[in-house]
Amino acid sequence: MQVDAVLVLFCVWLGSQAGDLQTEQVAKRDQNGWGWSPIYKRSPDMTKSLMTKSEQLLRIEDHDFTMRPAFGGPPIPVGVDVQVESLDTISEVDMDFTMTLYLRHYWKDERLSFPSTNNQSMTFDSRLVKKIWVPDMFFVHSKRSFIHDTTTDNVMLRVYPDGNVLYSLRVTVTAMCNMDLSRFPLDTQTCSLEIESYAYTDDDLMLYWKKGNESLNTDERISLSQFLIQKFHTTTKLAFYSSTGWYNRLYIHFTLRRHIFFFLLQTYFPATLMVMLSWVSFWIDRRAVPARVPLGITTVLTMSTIITGVNASMPRVSYIKAVDIYLWVSFVFVFLSVIEYAAVNYLSTVQERKERKLRERLPCTCGIGNPDEMMIDPQITGYGSMDINNTGNYGMPENGGRQDRMLAQVSLNDPQIASQMKPSRGYVNIWIDTHAIDKYSRVVFPGAYILFNIIYWSIYL
């Protein structure tokens, strides 16, 4: 018993020595700045609990995400919906359009399922997207595209406890649009944005619109300066590549109708006014060469400038556009007005030359009984009462045509004079009324142009 008591006392002494040693070590650590204190020892924060990392919760390291979900089984369905944020530009020269949109993908990957008591989803940014499998979508016939990265990458990944995944990103894409400009600027264009998987055929990935036509939403504030957006709609087709196979392809179609008022002000009205201005020369005297010639040249050059300006902003297509028809027909009308005056001037010159030769061949007027009476007689001259003072000097006409006509008729109708002249058919129809060409042009040109406008606008409107 005494031995046992001694052992107990020895153990108690060793324990006290060990405690003193531990207290001494703690004190030394506190003196060295380690922050430990035997009195004020820091207790753990019970408001914070150690949570499992998201990558561990999703078991990302336990799976090979280079393979698609359910590899070797049926194709994985991937639903898509799109919200169009803006339709930025439509270029006829480059035959393309630029669109900014939110592209969202929906699929199920059971490898990402995780236990949850409240069935709430987890949302991640682009950092986790690089570690899991996502559909490899691309825009067919796109020229340029990029994901917005201000202030960070505009990418969102949302994972649900059952493995359903929502993948959304904000993209701006410039894609090709084959336009038919044969009715420009009275045309309606339909452009398409095409979405397709790059690597997975329809045996591995089934791409579809999640809610049909309702999968496409547009911002009500979308507007364009030259176009009226008529409608958006979606379609789905299969695309075949000879070397890789069949792929599901999604289409976003939008129809645009061009505003005509801008082109009416800038093209059609100026062209019409130039044509009407060319008609002014029909009311100007044919002998006023300095007035009629510059007017015709000015209208021709102005029409050439209008045509050049319109074609400078258009692609060099190999077919005729509606605006080309209108401008070139207007140009032809302006050009014909210049040709009309050239014809009038030429015929007037020919007429004056023939009348001059006729006067040279006529005998002296003393052989005529009374020239003044013959001038006044309607049966001879074909004219009514006339002032004798205006016809006395019929050899030197004052109005450039009317007295020459009377002189030729007097000479030909007088039997005595006509018998002295050699029969010549050329002198019988010597008079060509050049004023009649201008009179007819005043009616024919406006009438033909109005008829052209009626036919043109009835076809293209």
Protein backbone atom coordinates (compact mmCIF):
# COMPACT_ATOMS: atom_id res chain seq x y z
CA MET A 1 0.00 0.00 0.00
CA GLN A 2 2.82 2.34 0.79
CA VAL A 3 4.37 1.58 -2.57
CA ASP A 4 1.11 2.41 -4.32
CA ALA A 5 0.80 5.69 -2.47
CA VAL A 6 4.32 6.63 -3.43
CA LEU A 7 3.60 5.90 -7.10
CA VAL A 8 0.46 8.06 -7.04
CA LEU A 9 2.32 10.97 -5.48
CA PHE A 10 5.10 10.58 -8.05
CA CYS A 11 2.60 10.71 -10.95
CA VAL A 12 0.97 13.84 -9.54
CA TRP A 13 4.37 15.49 -9.29
CA LEU A 14 5.25 14.61 -12.87
CA GLY A 15 1.94 16.03 -14.08
CA SER A 16 2.52 19.31 -12.31
CA GLN A 17 6.01 19.53 -13.77
CA ALA A 18 4.67 18.90 -17.28
CA GLY A 19 2.01 21.58 -16.82
CA ASP A 20 4.58 24.08 -15.65
CA LEU A 21 6.73 23.23 -18.65
CA GLN A 22 3.78 23.71 -21.06
CA THR A 23 2.87 27.01 -19.39
CA GLU A 24 6.49 28.12 -19.71
CA GLN A 25 6.52 27.23 -23.42
CA VAL A 26 3.27 29.11 -24.01
CA ALA A 27 4.65 32.13 -22.20
CA LYS A 28 7.82 31.97 -24.32
CA ARG A 29 5.71 31.80 -27.53
CA ASP A 30 3.74 34.80 -26.35
CA GLN A 31 6.98 36.70 -25.72
CA ASN A 32 8.24 35.81 -29.20
CA GLY A 33 5.14 37.34 -30.74
CA TRP A 34 3.41 34.18 -31.75
CA GLY A 35 0.11 35.48 -30.36
CA TRP A 36 -0.62 32.65 -27.98
CA SER A 37 -1.59 33.44 -24.37
CA PRO A 38 -2.34 31.03 -21.49
CA ILE A 39 -5.13 33.35 -20.31
CA TYR A 40 -6.65 34.90 -23.48
CA LYS A 41 -6.61 31.95 -25.87
CA ARG A 42 -8.58 32.72 -29.16
CA SER A 43 -11.67 30.55 -29.52
CA PRO A 44 -12.90 29.40 -32.99
CA ASP A 45 -15.55 31.61 -34.79
CA MET A 46 -18.73 29.57 -34.63
CA THR A 47 -20.46 31.88 -37.15
CA LYS A 48 -18.28 30.50 -39.89
CA SER A 49 -18.36 26.93 -41.01
CA LEU A 50 -16.01 25.15 -43.32
CA MET A 51 -17.81 24.67 -46.64
CA THR A 52 -16.82 22.19 -49.26
CA LYS A 53 -15.30 23.76 -52.41
CA SER A 54 -17.66 24.01 -55.38
CA GLU A 55 -15.34 21.92 -57.50
CA GLN A 56 -15.37 19.22 -54.86
CA LEU A 57 -19.15 19.48 -54.50
CA LEU A 58 -19.57 19.07 -58.25
CA ARG A 59 -16.91 16.33 -58.31
CA ILE A 60 -15.16 17.92 -61.26
CA GLU A 61 -11.93 16.05 -60.61
CA ASP A 62 -13.77 12.73 -60.58
CA HIS A 63 -14.98 12.94 -64.20
CA ASP A 64 -13.51 13.41 -67.65
CA PHE A 65 -15.28 16.49 -69.01
CA THR A 66 -13.54 16.26 -72.34
CA MET A 67 -16.29 13.81 -73.30
CA ARG A 68 -19.90 14.82 -73.82
CA PRO A 69 -22.53 13.75 -71.26
CA ALA A 70 -23.83 10.19 -71.74
CA PHE A 71 -21.05 9.39 -74.16
CA GLY A 72 -21.80 6.29 -76.20
CA GLY A 73 -25.53 6.65 -75.66
CA PRO A 74 -28.21 8.61 -77.50
CA PRO A 75 -27.48 12.19 -78.61
CA ILE A 76 -27.66 14.75 -75.83
CA PRO A 77 -30.45 17.32 -76.38
CA VAL A 78 -29.29 20.94 -76.14
CA GLY A 79 -32.03 23.56 -76.11
CA VAL A 80 -31.30 27.09 -77.28
CA ASP A 81 -33.03 30.41 -76.86
CA VAL A 82 -31.90 33.85 -77.98
CA GLN A 83 -32.68 37.39 -76.95
CA VAL A 84 -31.70 39.99 -79.54
CA GLU A 85 -30.36 43.08 -77.81
CA SER A 86 -29.64 45.21 -80.86
CA LEU A 87 -29.43 45.06 -84.62
CA ASP A 88 -26.58 47.44 -85.26
CA THR A 89 -25.82 47.83 -88.95
CA ILE A 90 -26.97 46.56 -92.33
CA SER A 91 -24.39 47.04 -95.09
CA GLU A 92 -25.34 46.69 -98.76
CA VAL A 93 -21.75 47.20 -99.86
CA ASP A 94 -20.32 44.41 -97.68
CA MET A 95 -23.49 42.30 -97.80
CA ASP A 96 -23.55 41.69 -94.04
CA PHE A 97 -25.24 42.69 -90.79
CA THR A 98 -24.13 43.09 -87.17
CA MET A 99 -26.20 41.84 -84.23
CA THR A 100 -25.72 41.72 -80.45
CA LEU A 101 -27.58 38.95 -78.65
CA TYR A 102 -27.81 36.82 -75.53
CA LEU A 103 -27.25 33.17 -76.46
CA ARG A 104 -28.45 30.64 -73.90
CA HIS A 105 -27.96 26.84 -73.88
CA TYR A 106 -29.84 24.27 -71.80
CA TRP A 107 -28.75 20.67 -71.26
CA LYS A 108 -28.42 18.05 -68.53
CA ASP A 109 -25.12 16.65 -67.28
CA GLU A 110 -25.60 14.20 -64.43
CA ARG A 111 -21.90 14.42 -63.65
CA LEU A 112 -22.58 17.91 -62.24
CA SER A 113 -25.45 16.88 -59.95
CA PHE A 114 -24.93 17.60 -56.26
CA PRO A 115 -26.85 17.08 -53.00
CA SER A 116 -28.95 20.03 -51.86
CA THR A 117 -31.52 20.36 -49.09
CA ASN A 118 -33.17 23.53 -50.49
CA ASN A 119 -32.91 22.62 -54.21
CA GLN A 120 -31.20 25.88 -55.03
CA SER A 121 -28.91 26.29 -58.01
CA MET A 122 -25.33 27.49 -58.01
CA THR A 123 -24.15 30.24 -60.35
CA PHE A 124 -20.59 30.54 -61.66
CA ASP A 125 -18.67 32.76 -64.05
CA SER A 126 -16.35 31.94 -66.92
CA ARG A 127 -13.66 30.41 -64.69
CA LEU A 128 -15.62 27.23 -64.16
CA VAL A 129 -16.78 27.05 -67.77
CA LYS A 130 -13.27 26.15 -68.84
CA LYS A 131 -13.27 23.05 -66.59
CA ILE A 132 -16.51 21.38 -67.68
CA TRP A 133 -18.13 20.31 -70.94
CA VAL A 134 -20.15 22.97 -72.83
CA PRO A 135 -21.65 22.83 -76.35
CA ASP A 136 -19.23 24.00 -79.03
CA MET A 137 -21.56 26.37 -80.87
CA PHE A 138 -20.44 28.67 -83.67
CA PHE A 139 -22.11 31.05 -86.14
CA VAL A 140 -22.18 29.80 -89.70
CA HIS A 141 -21.14 32.36 -92.36
CA SER A 142 -19.96 34.78 -89.68
CA LYS A 143 -17.22 37.26 -90.52
CA ARG A 144 -16.44 38.51 -87.03
CA SER A 145 -17.75 37.65 -83.58
CA PHE A 146 -16.67 38.15 -79.99
CA ILE A 147 -17.87 37.67 -76.42
CA HIS A 148 -18.09 40.90 -74.46
CA ASP A 149 -15.53 41.15 -71.68
CA THR A 150 -16.31 44.45 -69.94
CA THR A 151 -15.92 44.58 -67.04
CA THR A 152 -15.47 40.80 -66.94
CA ASP A 153 -16.34 38.08 -69.43
CA ASN A 154 -20.09 38.24 -70.02
CA VAL A 155 -20.54 34.51 -69.36
CA MET A 156 -22.84 32.86 -66.85
CA LEU A 157 -23.10 29.20 -65.82
CA ARG A 158 -25.92 28.01 -63.58
CA VAL A 159 -25.98 24.41 -62.29
CA TYR A 160 -29.03 22.80 -60.65
CA PRO A 161 -28.92 19.92 -58.14
CA ASP A 162 -30.31 17.44 -60.67
CA GLY A 163 -27.56 18.22 -63.18
CA ASN A 164 -29.48 20.65 -65.42
CA VAL A 165 -27.22 23.40 -66.75
CA LEU A 166 -27.91 26.89 -68.08
CA TYR A 167 -25.05 28.44 -70.04
CA SER A 168 -25.51 32.06 -71.18
CA LEU A 169 -23.18 34.47 -72.95
CA ARG A 170 -23.43 37.90 -74.59
CA VAL A 171 -22.13 37.93 -78.15
CA THR A 172 -21.77 40.42 -81.00
CA VAL A 173 -21.58 38.80 -84.42
CA THR A 174 -21.18 40.12 -87.95
CA ALA A 175 -22.59 37.62 -90.43
CA MET A 176 -23.08 37.43 -94.16
CA CYS A 177 -26.45 38.33 -95.71
CA ASN A 178 -27.01 37.63 -99.39
CA MET A 179 -29.14 40.55 -100.57
CA ASP A 180 -31.09 40.83 -103.80
CA LEU A 181 -30.86 44.48 -104.80
CA SER A 182 -32.80 44.23 -108.06
CA ARG A 183 -35.64 46.24 -106.48
CA PHE A 184 -33.40 48.69 -104.59
CA PRO A 185 -34.42 51.02 -102.96
CA LEU A 186 -37.94 49.61 -103.00
CA ASP A 187 -36.74 46.25 -101.73
CA THR A 188 -37.37 43.92 -98.81
CA GLN A 189 -34.44 41.90 -97.46
CA THR A 190 -34.41 38.70 -95.38
CA CYS A 191 -31.22 37.90 -93.46
CA SER A 192 -30.42 34.85 -91.34
CA LEU A 193 -28.15 34.08 -88.41
CA GLU A 194 -27.22 30.39 -88.33
CA ILE A 195 -26.11 28.49 -85.21
CA GLU A 196 -24.50 25.06 -85.35
CA SER A 197 -22.26 22.70 -83.41
CA TYR A 198 -18.77 22.57 -84.81
CA ALA A 199 -17.67 19.07 -83.77
CA TYR A 200 -20.74 17.06 -82.77
CA THR A 201 -22.99 15.61 -85.46
CA ASP A 202 -26.66 14.83 -84.93
CA ASP A 203 -25.57 11.40 -83.60
CA ASP A 204 -23.96 13.08 -80.59
CA LEU A 205 -25.82 16.35 -80.12
CA MET A 206 -29.43 17.23 -80.89
CA LEU A 207 -29.74 21.00 -81.21
CA TYR A 208 -33.25 22.48 -81.02
CA TRP A 209 -35.14 25.63 -80.13
CA LYS A 210 -36.21 25.26 -76.54
CA LYS A 211 -39.65 26.89 -76.95
CA GLY A 212 -40.12 27.01 -80.71
CA ASN A 213 -40.73 30.52 -82.08
CA GLU A 214 -41.07 31.77 -78.52
CA SER A 215 -37.40 30.97 -78.03
CA LEU A 216 -36.57 34.19 -79.90
CA ASN A 217 -37.15 37.45 -78.03
CA THR A 218 -36.33 40.95 -79.24
CA ASP A 219 -35.94 44.28 -77.56
CA GLU A 220 -38.84 46.61 -78.38
CA ARG A 221 -36.44 49.52 -78.78
CA ILE A 222 -34.62 47.99 -81.75
CA SER A 223 -34.81 50.34 -84.74
CA LEU A 224 -32.79 51.07 -87.86
CA SER A 225 -32.43 54.30 -89.80
CA GLN A 226 -33.01 52.83 -93.26
CA PHE A 227 -35.08 49.75 -92.49
CA LEU A 228 -38.34 48.79 -90.87
CA ILE A 229 -38.08 45.47 -89.01
CA GLN A 230 -41.15 43.51 -90.06
CA LYS A 231 -40.70 40.20 -88.23
CA PHE A 232 -38.35 37.70 -86.58
CA HIS A 233 -38.86 33.93 -86.77
CA THR A 234 -36.91 30.72 -86.24
CA THR A 235 -36.43 27.48 -88.18
CA THR A 236 -34.40 24.27 -87.80
CA LYS A 237 -32.74 22.28 -90.57
CA LEU A 238 -30.07 19.66 -91.11
CA ALA A 239 -26.80 20.65 -92.75
CA PHE A 240 -24.67 18.08 -94.54
CA TYR A 241 -20.90 18.13 -94.94
CA SER A 242 -19.42 15.49 -97.21
CA SER A 243 -16.44 14.79 -94.96
CA THR A 244 -18.05 14.88 -91.49
CA GLY A 245 -21.78 14.16 -91.77
CA TRP A 246 -25.09 15.74 -90.74
CA TYR A 247 -25.43 18.57 -88.22
CA ASN A 248 -28.40 20.28 -86.62
CA ARG A 249 -28.56 23.93 -87.60
CA LEU A 250 -30.72 26.65 -86.05
CA TYR A 251 -31.80 29.72 -88.05
CA ILE A 252 -32.83 33.18 -86.90
CA HIS A 253 -34.61 34.93 -89.79
CA PHE A 254 -35.51 38.60 -89.76
CA THR A 255 -37.23 40.54 -92.54
CA LEU A 256 -36.39 44.18 -93.24
CA ARG A 257 -38.22 46.64 -95.46
CA ARG A 258 -36.31 49.70 -96.61
CA HIS A 259 -37.60 53.19 -95.91
CA ILE A 260 -38.22 54.93 -99.24
CA PHE A 261 -38.58 58.54 -98.09
CA PHE A 262 -34.82 59.16 -97.88
CA PHE A 263 -34.32 58.05 -101.48
CA LEU A 264 -37.31 60.07 -102.65
CA LEU A 265 -35.66 63.22 -101.31
CA GLN A 266 -32.11 62.41 -102.38
CA THR A 267 -32.58 60.62 -105.70
CA TYR A 268 -36.04 60.51 -107.25
CA PHE A 269 -37.14 64.13 -106.72
CA PRO A 270 -33.85 65.65 -108.02
CA ALA A 271 -33.92 63.39 -111.07
CA THR A 272 -37.53 64.31 -111.82
CA LEU A 273 -36.80 68.02 -111.44
CA MET A 274 -33.87 67.77 -113.85
CA VAL A 275 -36.09 66.14 -116.45
CA MET A 276 -38.73 68.85 -116.02
CA LEU A 277 -36.04 71.53 -116.24
CA SER A 278 -34.90 70.14 -119.59
CA TRP A 279 -38.41 70.75 -120.95
CA VAL A 280 -38.01 74.50 -120.43
CA SER A 281 -35.92 74.66 -123.62
CA PHE A 282 -39.02 73.79 -125.67
CA TRP A 283 -40.47 77.22 -124.80
CA ILE A 284 -37.28 79.14 -125.67
CA ASP A 285 -36.89 80.52 -129.18
CA ARG A 286 -34.91 78.23 -131.46
CA ARG A 287 -32.53 81.06 -132.41
CA ALA A 288 -31.55 81.59 -128.73
CA VAL A 289 -28.60 79.21 -128.90
CA PRO A 290 -26.78 80.60 -125.81
CA ALA A 291 -29.92 79.91 -123.77
CA ARG A 292 -30.93 76.45 -124.95
CA VAL A 293 -27.54 74.76 -125.28
CA PRO A 294 -26.23 75.50 -121.74
CA LEU A 295 -29.58 74.47 -120.29
CA GLY A 296 -29.42 71.09 -121.98
CA ILE A 297 -25.76 70.49 -121.04
CA THR A 298 -26.41 71.47 -117.41
CA THR A 299 -29.26 69.01 -117.01
CA VAL A 300 -27.24 66.21 -118.62
CA LEU A 301 -24.26 66.79 -116.33
CA THR A 302 -26.50 67.00 -113.27
CA MET A 303 -28.13 63.67 -114.10
CA SER A 304 -24.69 62.12 -114.55
CA THR A 305 -23.68 63.39 -111.09
CA ILE A 306 -26.81 61.91 -109.49
CA ILE A 307 -26.19 58.51 -111.11
CA THR A 308 -22.55 58.51 -110.04
CA GLY A 309 -23.44 59.43 -106.44
CA VAL A 310 -25.99 56.64 -106.13
CA ASN A 311 -23.69 53.98 -107.57
CA ALA A 312 -20.79 55.07 -105.35
CA SER A 313 -22.62 53.85 -102.23
CA MET A 314 -23.78 50.57 -103.77
CA PRO A 315 -22.02 47.25 -104.45
CA ARG A 316 -20.97 46.59 -108.02
CA VAL A 317 -23.61 44.04 -108.82
CA SER A 318 -23.96 42.62 -112.31
CA TYR A 319 -27.72 43.19 -112.60
CA ILE A 320 -29.86 46.30 -112.99
CA LYS A 321 -31.44 47.83 -109.92
CA ALA A 322 -34.78 49.62 -109.81
CA VAL A 323 -33.11 52.94 -109.12
CA ASP A 324 -30.86 52.43 -112.15
CA ILE A 325 -33.90 52.06 -114.39
CA TYR A 326 -35.43 55.28 -113.13
CA LEU A 327 -32.22 57.29 -113.32
CA TRP A 328 -31.19 56.07 -116.74
CA VAL A 329 -34.63 56.61 -118.25
CA SER A 330 -34.58 60.12 -116.78
CA PHE A 331 -31.12 60.60 -118.27
CA VAL A 332 -32.43 59.51 -121.67
CA PHE A 333 -35.25 62.07 -121.47
CA VAL A 334 -32.78 64.83 -120.64
CA PHE A 335 -30.46 63.72 -123.42
CA LEU A 336 -33.31 63.60 -125.94
CA SER A 337 -34.23 67.18 -125.12
CA VAL A 338 -30.73 68.19 -126.21
CA ILE A 339 -31.03 66.08 -129.36
CA GLU A 340 -34.42 67.70 -130.05
CA TYR A 341 -32.86 71.15 -130.13
CA ALA A 342 -30.03 69.88 -132.35
CA ALA A 343 -32.65 68.56 -134.77
CA VAL A 344 -34.58 71.86 -134.69
CA ASN A 345 -31.43 73.85 -135.30
CA TYR A 346 -30.32 71.62 -138.15
CA LEU A 347 -33.69 71.68 -139.91
CA SER A 348 -33.85 75.47 -139.53
CA THR A 349 -30.43 75.77 -141.16
CA VAL A 350 -31.46 73.51 -144.05
CA GLN A 351 -34.67 75.49 -144.50
CA GLU A 352 -32.89 78.82 -144.61
CA ARG A 353 -30.36 77.50 -147.12
CA LYS A 354 -33.09 76.30 -149.49
CA GLU A 355 -35.05 79.52 -149.20
CA ARG A 356 -31.90 81.50 -149.97
CA LYS A 357 -31.32 79.49 -153.13
CA LEU A 358 -34.97 79.95 -154.08
CA ARG A 359 -34.76 83.72 -153.74
CA GLU A 360 -31.65 83.76 -155.88
CA ARG A 361 -33.47 81.90 -158.66
CA LEU A 362 -36.65 83.99 -158.54
CA PRO A 363 -37.05 86.74 -161.23
CA CYS A 364 -37.45 90.37 -160.33
CA THR A 365 -40.56 91.16 -158.32
CA CYS A 366 -41.52 93.78 -160.86
CA GLY A 367 -43.06 90.95 -162.81
CA ILE A 368 -45.62 90.51 -160.07
CA GLY A 369 -48.69 92.67 -160.45
CA ASN A 370 -48.99 93.95 -156.93
CA PRO A 371 -46.93 92.10 -154.32
CA ASP A 372 -48.71 93.72 -151.41
CA GLU A 373 -52.11 92.61 -152.64
CA MET A 374 -50.85 89.10 -153.22
CA MET A 375 -49.49 89.03 -149.71
CA ILE A 376 -52.83 90.11 -148.35
CA ASP A 377 -54.98 87.81 -150.45
CA PRO A 378 -55.87 84.76 -148.31
CA GLN A 379 -56.40 82.59 -151.36
CA ILE A 380 -52.78 83.04 -152.32
CA THR A 381 -50.95 83.33 -149.05
CA GLY A 382 -53.14 81.19 -146.89
CA TYR A 383 -53.23 83.93 -144.20
CA GLY A 384 -55.91 86.42 -143.20
CA SER A 385 -55.68 90.20 -142.98
CA MET A 386 -52.16 91.45 -142.42
CA ASP A 387 -50.50 94.74 -141.83
CA ILE A 388 -48.94 95.94 -145.05
CA ASN A 389 -46.13 97.57 -143.13
CA ASN A 390 -45.11 94.15 -141.85
CA THR A 391 -44.98 92.61 -145.36
CA GLY A 392 -43.54 95.37 -147.43
CA ASN A 393 -40.00 94.19 -147.01
CA TYR A 394 -40.71 90.53 -147.63
CA GLY A 395 -37.31 90.11 -149.16
CA MET A 396 -35.69 90.76 -145.76
CA PRO A 397 -37.91 88.96 -143.16
CA GLU A 398 -38.08 90.34 -139.66
CA ASN A 399 -39.48 87.36 -137.75
CA GLY A 400 -37.22 84.83 -139.37
CA GLY A 401 -39.75 82.54 -141.00
CA ARG A 402 -43.27 83.72 -141.63
CA GLN A 403 -42.50 86.17 -144.47
CA ASP A 404 -40.10 83.68 -146.09
CA ARG A 405 -42.95 81.20 -146.18
CA MET A 406 -45.28 83.72 -147.84
CA LEU A 407 -42.67 84.67 -150.42
CA ALA A 408 -42.13 81.05 -151.38
CA GLN A 409 -45.89 80.46 -151.69
CA VAL A 410 -46.41 83.61 -153.76
CA SER A 411 -43.68 82.65 -156.15
CA LEU A 412 -44.93 79.11 -156.59
CA ASN A 413 -48.61 80.03 -156.93
CA ASP A 414 -48.05 82.66 -159.61
CA PRO A 415 -48.37 80.90 -163.02
CA GLN A 416 -46.11 83.39 -164.74
CA ILE A 417 -43.28 82.87 -162.31
CA ALA A 418 -43.79 79.17 -161.94
CA SER A 419 -43.55 78.71 -165.70
CA GLN A 420 -40.17 80.42 -165.71
CA MET A 421 -38.80 77.99 -163.14
CA LYS A 422 -37.72 74.45 -163.82
CA PRO A 423 -40.04 71.90 -162.32
CA SER A 424 -38.40 70.77 -159.13
CA ARG A 425 -40.12 68.71 -156.51
CA GLY A 426 -37.72 69.98 -153.86
CA TYR A 427 -39.25 73.48 -154.02
CA VAL A 428 -42.79 72.30 -153.62
CA ASN A 429 -42.29 71.14 -150.02
CA ILE A 430 -39.66 73.68 -149.20
CA TRP A 431 -41.23 74.78 -145.94
CA ILE A 432 -40.52 72.72 -142.81
CA ASP A 433 -42.17 74.21 -139.75
CA THR A 434 -39.43 73.83 -137.14
CA HIS A 435 -41.65 75.45 -134.56
CA ALA A 436 -43.98 72.45 -134.79
CA ILE A 437 -41.23 70.17 -133.42
CA ASP A 438 -41.05 72.23 -130.25
CA LYS A 439 -44.85 72.32 -130.03
CA TYR A 440 -45.08 68.54 -130.27
CA SER A 441 -42.20 68.09 -127.82
CA ARG A 442 -44.07 70.16 -125.22
CA VAL A 443 -46.73 67.48 -125.20
CA VAL A 444 -44.89 64.28 -126.10
CA PHE A 445 -42.05 64.55 -123.59
CA PRO A 446 -44.18 65.22 -120.46
CA GLY A 447 -46.77 62.67 -121.54
CA ALA A 448 -44.19 59.93 -122.12
CA TYR A 449 -42.47 60.68 -118.79
CA ILE A 450 -45.73 60.60 -116.87
CA LEU A 451 -46.59 57.27 -118.49
CA PHE A 452 -43.19 55.90 -117.51
CA ASN A 453 -43.71 56.97 -113.89
CA ILE A 454 -47.13 55.31 -113.75
CA ILE A 455 -45.70 52.03 -115.04
CA TYR A 456 -42.59 52.22 -112.83
CA TRP A 457 -44.35 52.89 -109.53
CA SER A 458 -47.12 50.40 -110.25
CA ILE A 459 -44.50 47.65 -110.72
CA TYR A 460 -42.16 48.40 -107.80
CA LEU A 461 -44.53 49.65 -105.13
